[in-house]
Amino acid sequence: MTSKYLQRCLKEEPRSYNSQQLAEKLEKERELKVSTNTIKRLLKKGGDMETSQN
């Protein structure tokens, strides 16, 4: 779900984001703290947070 939310933000919002800005957005809007590396990995793999962390 998290990666779908990020992809939707990137696709539907009229601005672009870097990984730091997406991490801040997730923390503010979803109360979910993730690293910029996790953001990059999620977007690259297109996977969900629950399945991409081991």
Protein backbone atom coordinates (compact mmCIF):
# COMPACT_ATOMS: atom_id res chain seq x y z
CA MET A 1 0.00 0.00 0.00
CA THR A 2 2.80 2.39 0.79
CA SER A 3 4.41 2.10 -2.62
CA LYS A 4 1.03 2.58 -4.31
CA TYR A 5 0.51 5.74 -2.25
CA LEU A 6 3.94 7.03 -3.28
CA GLN A 7 3.36 6.21 -6.92
CA ARG A 8 -0.02 7.96 -6.81
CA CYS A 9 1.58 11.06 -5.28
CA LEU A 10 4.19 11.13 -8.02
CA LYS A 11 1.66 10.56 -10.79
CA GLU A 12 -1.31 12.66 -9.71
CA GLU A 13 0.20 15.65 -7.93
CA PRO A 14 1.33 18.57 -10.09
CA ARG A 15 4.81 18.69 -8.56
CA SER A 16 7.79 16.39 -8.33
CA TYR A 17 9.32 14.98 -5.15
CA ASN A 18 12.72 13.71 -4.13
CA SER A 19 13.08 10.82 -1.68
CA GLN A 20 13.56 13.16 1.30
CA GLN A 21 10.38 15.04 0.49
CA LEU A 22 8.44 11.79 0.07
CA ALA A 23 9.74 10.53 3.44
CA GLU A 24 8.58 13.78 5.07
CA LYS A 25 5.20 13.52 3.32
CA LEU A 26 4.69 9.96 4.57
CA GLU A 27 5.60 10.97 8.10
CA LYS A 28 3.26 13.97 8.05
CA GLU A 29 0.28 12.46 6.24
CA ARG A 30 0.50 8.79 7.23
CA GLU A 31 2.46 8.98 10.52
CA LEU A 32 4.92 6.53 8.98
CA LYS A 33 8.63 7.17 9.35
CA VAL A 34 10.81 5.60 6.65
CA SER A 35 14.32 6.29 5.42
CA THR A 36 15.10 7.83 2.08
CA ASN A 37 16.80 4.57 1.09
CA THR A 38 13.57 2.68 1.79
CA ILE A 39 11.65 5.17 -0.37
CA LYS A 40 14.10 4.63 -3.21
CA ARG A 41 13.92 0.85 -2.85
CA LEU A 42 10.12 0.85 -2.78
CA LEU A 43 9.85 2.94 -5.91
CA LYS A 44 12.54 0.98 -7.75
CA LYS A 45 11.03 -2.41 -6.94
CA GLY A 46 7.43 -1.24 -6.99
CA GLY A 47 6.82 -3.51 -4.03
CA ASP A 48 4.85 -2.98 -0.88
CA MET A 49 6.64 -2.06 2.32
CA GLU A 50 5.57 -5.28 4.06
CA THR A 51 6.98 -7.49 1.31
CA SER A 52 10.18 -5.60 0.57
CA GLN A 53 11.58 -5.53 4.11
CA ASN A 54 13.21 -8.71 5.45
